[in-house]
Each structure stands twice: as C-alpha cells, then as structure tokens.
C-alpha atoms as a PDB file:
ATOM      1  CA  MET A   1       0.000   0.000   0.000  1.00  0.00           C
ATOM      2  CA  PRO A   2       1.849   3.142  -1.207  1.00  0.00           C
ATOM      3  CA  VAL A   3       0.019   5.605   1.076  1.00  0.00           C
ATOM      4  CA  ALA A   4       1.103   3.666   4.195  1.00  0.00           C
ATOM      5  CA  LYS A   5       4.664   3.551   2.876  1.00  0.00           C
ATOM      6  CA  ASP A   6       4.582   7.294   2.110  1.00  0.00           C
ATOM      7  CA  LEU A   7       3.127   7.985   5.560  1.00  0.00           C
ATOM      8  CA  SER A   8       6.042   6.196   7.210  1.00  0.00           C
ATOM      9  CA  ASP A   9       8.552   8.183   5.154  1.00  0.00           C
ATOM     10  CA  ILE A  10       6.714  11.417   5.902  1.00  0.00           C
ATOM     11  CA  GLU A  11       6.563  10.646   9.610  1.00  0.00           C
ATOM     12  CA  LEU A  12      10.281   9.872   9.629  1.00  0.00           C
ATOM     13  CA  VAL A  13      11.169  13.177   7.945  1.00  0.00           C
ATOM     14  CA  HIS A  14       8.809  15.042  10.240  1.00  0.00           C
ATOM     15  CA  LEU A  15      10.383  13.413  13.284  1.00  0.00           C
ATOM     16  CA  LEU A  16      13.782  14.597  12.080  1.00  0.00           C
ATOM     17  CA  LYS A  17      12.451  18.160  12.002  1.00  0.00           C
ATOM     18  CA  GLN A  18      10.738  17.894  15.391  1.00  0.00           C
ATOM     19  CA  ASP A  19      12.017  15.973  18.371  1.00  0.00           C
ATOM     20  CA  ASN A  20       8.610  15.325  19.871  1.00  0.00           C
ATOM     21  CA  ARG A  21       6.871  12.246  18.461  1.00  0.00           C
ATOM     22  CA  ASP A  22       3.458  13.397  19.776  1.00  0.00           C
ATOM     23  CA  ASP A  23       3.833  16.740  17.994  1.00  0.00           C
ATOM     24  CA  ALA A  24       4.756  14.878  14.812  1.00  0.00           C
ATOM     25  CA  ARG A  25       1.623  12.751  15.019  1.00  0.00           C
ATOM     26  CA  ASP A  26      -0.509  15.828  15.773  1.00  0.00           C
ATOM     27  CA  VAL A  27       0.805  17.612  12.688  1.00  0.00           C
ATOM     28  CA  LEU A  28       0.252  14.573  10.502  1.00  0.00           C
ATOM     29  CA  HIS A  29      -3.222  14.119  11.890  1.00  0.00           C
ATOM     30  CA  ASP A  30      -4.063  17.785  11.232  1.00  0.00           C
ATOM     31  CA  VAL A  31      -2.804  17.557   7.657  1.00  0.00           C
ATOM     32  CA  PHE A  32      -4.807  14.417   6.893  1.00  0.00           C
ATOM     33  CA  VAL A  33      -7.941  15.789   8.577  1.00  0.00           C
ATOM     34  CA  ARG A  34      -7.597  18.936   6.478  1.00  0.00           C
ATOM     35  CA  ILE A  35      -7.235  16.843   3.324  1.00  0.00           C
ATOM     36  CA  TRP A  36     -10.311  14.811   4.285  1.00  0.00           C
ATOM     37  CA  GLU A  37     -12.371  17.938   5.017  1.00  0.00           C
ATOM     38  CA  ASP A  38     -11.352  19.521   1.694  1.00  0.00           C
ATOM     39  CA  ARG A  39     -11.665  16.281  -0.317  1.00  0.00           C
ATOM     40  CA  GLN A  40     -14.575  17.579  -2.418  1.00  0.00           C
ATOM     41  CA  SER A  41     -12.754  20.679  -3.614  1.00  0.00           C
ATOM     42  CA  LEU A  42      -9.147  19.483  -3.341  1.00  0.00           C
ATOM     43  CA  SER A  43      -7.298  18.995  -6.594  1.00  0.00           C
ATOM     44  CA  ILE A  44      -3.768  17.632  -6.287  1.00  0.00           C
ATOM     45  CA  SER A  45      -1.901  18.057  -9.519  1.00  0.00           C
ATOM     46  CA  GLY A  46       1.389  16.281  -9.455  1.00  0.00           C
ATOM     47  CA  ASN A  47       3.012  14.001  -6.953  1.00  0.00           C
ATOM     48  CA  LEU A  48       1.026  13.166  -3.789  1.00  0.00           C
ATOM     49  CA  GLN A  49       4.224  12.807  -1.776  1.00  0.00           C
ATOM     50  CA  SER A  50       5.362  16.316  -2.765  1.00  0.00           C
ATOM     51  CA  TYR A  51       1.970  17.707  -1.825  1.00  0.00           C
ATOM     52  CA  LEU A  52       2.076  15.962   1.565  1.00  0.00           C
ATOM     53  CA  PHE A  53       5.614  17.147   2.282  1.00  0.00           C
ATOM     54  CA  ALA A  54       4.630  20.739   1.456  1.00  0.00           C
ATOM     55  CA  ALA A  55       1.478  20.552   3.596  1.00  0.00           C
ATOM     56  CA  ILE A  56       3.459  19.167   6.525  1.00  0.00           C
ATOM     57  CA  ARG A  57       6.202  21.755   6.075  1.00  0.00           C
ATOM     58  CA  TYR A  58       3.662  24.600   6.242  1.00  0.00           C
ATOM     59  CA  ARG A  59       1.939  23.017   9.228  1.00  0.00           C
ATOM     60  CA  ILE A  60       5.285  22.721  11.052  1.00  0.00           C
ATOM     61  CA  ILE A  61       6.036  26.381  10.310  1.00  0.00           C
ATOM     62  CA  ASP A  62       2.634  27.384  11.702  1.00  0.00           C
ATOM     63  CA  LYS A  63       3.220  25.303  14.824  1.00  0.00           C
ATOM     64  CA  ILE A  64       6.672  26.825  15.353  1.00  0.00           C
ATOM     65  CA  ARG A  65       5.242  30.345  14.979  1.00  0.00           C
ATOM     66  CA  ARG A  66       2.542  29.628  17.542  1.00  0.00           C
ATOM     67  CA  ASN A  67       5.061  28.109  19.959  1.00  0.00           C
ATOM     68  CA  VAL A  68       7.439  31.052  19.581  1.00  0.00           C
ATOM     69  CA  ASN A  69       4.624  33.517  20.255  1.00  0.00           C
ATOM     70  CA  ARG A  70       3.459  31.495  23.263  1.00  0.00           C
ATOM     71  CA  GLN A  71       7.009  31.243  24.617  1.00  0.00           C
ATOM     72  CA  ASN A  72       7.553  34.984  24.152  1.00  0.00           C
ATOM     73  CA  TYR A  73       4.262  35.701  25.893  1.00  0.00           C
ATOM     74  CA  ASP A  74       5.102  33.336  28.769  1.00  0.00           C
ATOM     75  CA  ALA A  75       8.546  34.911  29.129  1.00  0.00           C
ATOM     76  CA  LEU A  76       7.030  38.390  29.179  1.00  0.00           C
ATOM     77  CA  LEU A  77       4.525  37.408  31.870  1.00  0.00           C
ATOM     78  CA  GLN A  78       7.277  35.783  33.932  1.00  0.00           C
ATOM     79  CA  SER A  79       9.448  38.873  33.606  1.00  0.00           C
ATOM     80  CA  LEU A  80       6.601  41.151  34.663  1.00  0.00           C
ATOM     81  CA  ALA A  81       5.821  38.948  37.654  1.00  0.00           C
ATOM     82  CA  GLU A  82       9.454  38.910  38.770  1.00  0.00           C
ATOM     83  CA  ASN A  83      10.123  42.603  38.225  1.00  0.00           C
ATOM     84  CA  TYR A  84       6.864  44.100  39.414  1.00  0.00           C
ATOM     85  CA  SER A  85       6.668  45.154  42.977  1.00  0.00           C
ATOM     86  CA  PRO A  86       4.447  48.074  43.786  1.00  0.00           C
ATOM     87  CA  GLY A  87       6.400  51.125  44.801  1.00  0.00           C
ATOM     88  CA  ILE A  88       5.786  53.121  47.920  1.00  0.00           C
ATOM     89  CA  GLU A  89       3.702  55.624  45.973  1.00  0.00           C
ATOM     90  CA  GLN A  90       1.380  52.916  44.605  1.00  0.00           C
ATOM     91  CA  GLN A  91       1.089  51.356  48.061  1.00  0.00           C
ATOM     92  CA  LEU A  92       0.149  54.714  49.566  1.00  0.00           C
ATOM     93  CA  GLU A  93      -2.398  55.365  46.815  1.00  0.00           C
ATOM     94  CA  ALA A  94      -3.949  51.934  47.373  1.00  0.00           C
ATOM     95  CA  LYS A  95      -4.098  52.547  51.125  1.00  0.00           C
ATOM     96  CA  GLU A  96      -5.713  55.976  50.591  1.00  0.00           C
ATOM     97  CA  LEU A  97      -8.246  54.470  48.212  1.00  0.00           C
ATOM     98  CA  GLN A  98      -9.145  51.756  50.727  1.00  0.00           C
ATOM     99  CA  GLU A  99      -9.533  54.396  53.457  1.00  0.00           C
ATOM    100  CA  THR A 100     -11.793  56.433  51.171  1.00  0.00           C
ATOM    101  CA  ILE A 101     -13.927  53.370  50.477  1.00  0.00           C
ATOM    102  CA  ASN A 102     -14.149  52.560  54.192  1.00  0.00           C
ATOM    103  CA  LYS A 103     -15.208  56.136  55.017  1.00  0.00           C
ATOM    104  CA  ALA A 104     -17.800  56.082  52.249  1.00  0.00           C
ATOM    105  CA  LEU A 105     -19.145  52.749  53.515  1.00  0.00           C
ATOM    106  CA  GLU A 106     -19.577  54.260  56.989  1.00  0.00           C
ATOM    107  CA  GLN A 107     -21.852  56.896  55.462  1.00  0.00           C
ATOM    108  CA  LEU A 108     -24.234  54.253  54.108  1.00  0.00           C
ATOM    109  CA  SER A 109     -27.241  53.000  56.024  1.00  0.00           C
ATOM    110  CA  PRO A 110     -26.522  49.826  58.004  1.00  0.00           C
ATOM    111  CA  LYS A 111     -28.705  47.695  55.682  1.00  0.00           C
ATOM    112  CA  THR A 112     -27.117  49.066  52.487  1.00  0.00           C
ATOM    113  CA  LYS A 113     -23.630  48.587  53.951  1.00  0.00           C
ATOM    114  CA  GLN A 114     -24.469  45.021  54.945  1.00  0.00           C
ATOM    115  CA  ILE A 115     -25.769  44.235  51.454  1.00  0.00           C
ATOM    116  CA  TYR A 116     -22.672  45.765  49.848  1.00  0.00           C
ATOM    117  CA  LEU A 117     -20.309  43.806  52.115  1.00  0.00           C
ATOM    118  CA  LEU A 118     -22.156  40.545  51.495  1.00  0.00           C
ATOM    119  CA  SER A 119     -21.951  41.145  47.759  1.00  0.00           C
ATOM    120  CA  ARG A 120     -18.421  42.446  47.368  1.00  0.00           C
ATOM    121  CA  ASN A 121     -16.474  41.034  50.307  1.00  0.00           C
ATOM    122  CA  GLU A 122     -18.238  37.711  50.821  1.00  0.00           C
ATOM    123  CA  HIS A 123     -19.138  37.240  47.117  1.00  0.00           C
ATOM    124  CA  HIS A 124     -22.793  36.317  47.664  1.00  0.00           C
ATOM    125  CA  THR A 125     -25.211  36.557  44.755  1.00  0.00           C
ATOM    126  CA  VAL A 126     -28.215  38.865  44.780  1.00  0.00           C
ATOM    127  CA  THR A 127     -30.473  35.845  45.311  1.00  0.00           C
ATOM    128  CA  GLU A 128     -28.419  34.595  48.251  1.00  0.00           C
ATOM    129  CA  ILE A 129     -28.404  38.041  49.885  1.00  0.00           C
ATOM    130  CA  ALA A 130     -32.155  38.396  49.382  1.00  0.00           C
ATOM    131  CA  GLN A 131     -32.794  35.027  51.004  1.00  0.00           C
ATOM    132  CA  LYS A 132     -30.368  35.645  53.857  1.00  0.00           C
ATOM    133  CA  LEU A 133     -31.821  39.080  54.717  1.00  0.00           C
ATOM    134  CA  ASN A 134     -35.420  38.188  53.853  1.00  0.00           C
ATOM    135  CA  LEU A 135     -35.632  40.894  51.175  1.00  0.00           C
ATOM    136  CA  SER A 136     -36.780  40.895  47.572  1.00  0.00           C
ATOM    137  CA  GLU A 137     -34.094  40.566  44.913  1.00  0.00           C
ATOM    138  CA  GLN A 138     -35.092  43.936  43.496  1.00  0.00           C
ATOM    139  CA  THR A 139     -34.519  45.582  46.893  1.00  0.00           C
ATOM    140  CA  VAL A 140     -31.049  44.047  47.060  1.00  0.00           C
ATOM    141  CA  LYS A 141     -30.290  45.268  43.520  1.00  0.00           C
ATOM    142  CA  ASN A 142     -31.515  48.774  44.384  1.00  0.00           C
ATOM    143  CA  GLN A 143     -29.425  48.889  47.563  1.00  0.00           C
ATOM    144  CA  LEU A 144     -26.312  47.682  45.687  1.00  0.00           C
ATOM    145  CA  THR A 145     -26.876  50.309  43.015  1.00  0.00           C
ATOM    146  CA  ALA A 146     -27.194  53.011  45.666  1.00  0.00           C
ATOM    147  CA  ALA A 147     -24.058  51.818  47.468  1.00  0.00           C
ATOM    148  CA  LEU A 148     -21.997  51.695  44.272  1.00  0.00           C
ATOM    149  CA  LYS A 149     -23.217  55.145  43.210  1.00  0.00           C
ATOM    150  CA  HIS A 150     -22.236  56.573  46.595  1.00  0.00           C
ATOM    151  CA  LEU A 151     -18.796  54.920  46.441  1.00  0.00           C
ATOM    152  CA  ARG A 152     -18.182  56.192  42.903  1.00  0.00           C
ATOM    153  CA  GLN A 153     -19.102  59.722  43.949  1.00  0.00           C
ATOM    154  CA  SER A 154     -16.852  59.541  47.006  1.00  0.00           C
ATOM    155  CA  ILE A 155     -13.901  58.202  45.025  1.00  0.00           C
ATOM    156  CA  THR A 156     -14.415  60.781  42.275  1.00  0.00           C
ATOM    157  CA  LEU A 157     -14.529  63.580  44.835  1.00  0.00           C
ATOM    158  CA  ILE A 158     -11.308  62.364  46.473  1.00  0.00           C
ATOM    159  CA  GLY A 159      -9.669  61.958  43.058  1.00  0.00           C
ATOM    160  CA  LEU A 160     -10.592  65.492  42.030  1.00  0.00           C
ATOM    161  CA  THR A 161      -9.354  66.814  45.370  1.00  0.00           C
ATOM    162  CA  SER A 162      -6.008  65.019  44.902  1.00  0.00           C
ATOM    163  CA  VAL A 163      -5.611  66.407  41.384  1.00  0.00           C
ATOM    164  CA  LEU A 164      -6.412  69.901  42.642  1.00  0.00           C
ATOM    165  CA  ILE A 165      -3.945  69.619  45.536  1.00  0.00           C
ATOM    166  CA  ASN A 166      -1.214  68.341  43.193  1.00  0.00           C
ATOM    167  CA  TRP A 167      -1.936  71.111  40.708  1.00  0.00           C
ATOM    168  CA  LEU A 168      -1.887  73.825  43.367  1.00  0.00           C
ATOM    169  CA  GLY A 169       1.293  72.381  44.892  1.00  0.00           C
ATOM    170  CA  LYS A 170       3.252  72.751  41.654  1.00  0.00           C
END
C-alpha cells in the first residue's frame, strides 16, 4: 500500500524536524484531517508525496510560529511577575483608596452597607443576599446600586481633590 509507505517516510522526515513524536503525530493528523475535510474541492496536480511534504512543512512552520509567540508571551509574563513590585507611591495610593472606600461605607445606612459587604467582600449573589436578609431581589439590587453610586461619587470627589492639591502644589 503506497500511502502507508509514504506515511512512514513522511513521519520519519517530520520526526527529524521535530524531536517530539506526539507533535509529529498531531501535525500529521491535522494535515490528513484537512485533506479529508477539503476532499470535495481538493485537486492535487502532481506528486502526492510532494503535496504531503509541502502541507506538513507549512503546518510545522505554523506550529513553530505559535510556539514562539506562546514562549515569548510566557517569558514576558514571567518577567513582569518577577520585576513588578508596587512602589511606595502605589502602596500609599492603594491605602488611601481603601480608606476612602471605608469612610464612604460608613456613610451608608446599616442595611445598604451590609448588602454591599455581602456582595463584594463575601461574594454572595443577589439571590443569596435576598434570602439571607429576607428581602426581595429587586430591593437588594436597588441597595447595591445606591451603594456603588455613593462609592463612585466619594472616590471621584477624592480623586478630584487630589488632582487639585497636586496642581496647586506645583
């Protein structure tokens, strides 16, 4: 059977180009699946072996490109993780933001604050909060909306104040 013989030769050449036998089989499988899927419109003029070698060569090139991009991306992420440590300024800004949020939460009604904390800190769903506090889901949604609006306004006010202070200080 010439196709089986050609497949063995192709697999051998592919294995020489790639050290991983599983990758070689994956590439061969992809090429033959593609041929099968395109069998109605595929027209191979010339030598089948040449066509298969070319298809495998292009598939290997695609696989190498994807692996290089993935390796570059992984290296970049690793580098960022190793080199990133928040500076004192970022730590202070984060602490100030948390203090602003805490102050804004204190200004909320006890029920609204409780709903917000259950949602954001304890990660309960609206349904769970409604059941736990014996409220309707719509009431919980309304209270969350009110809490988030108040927090946004408080943070915006503090942000504008900081910008103004920095601008006046220069």
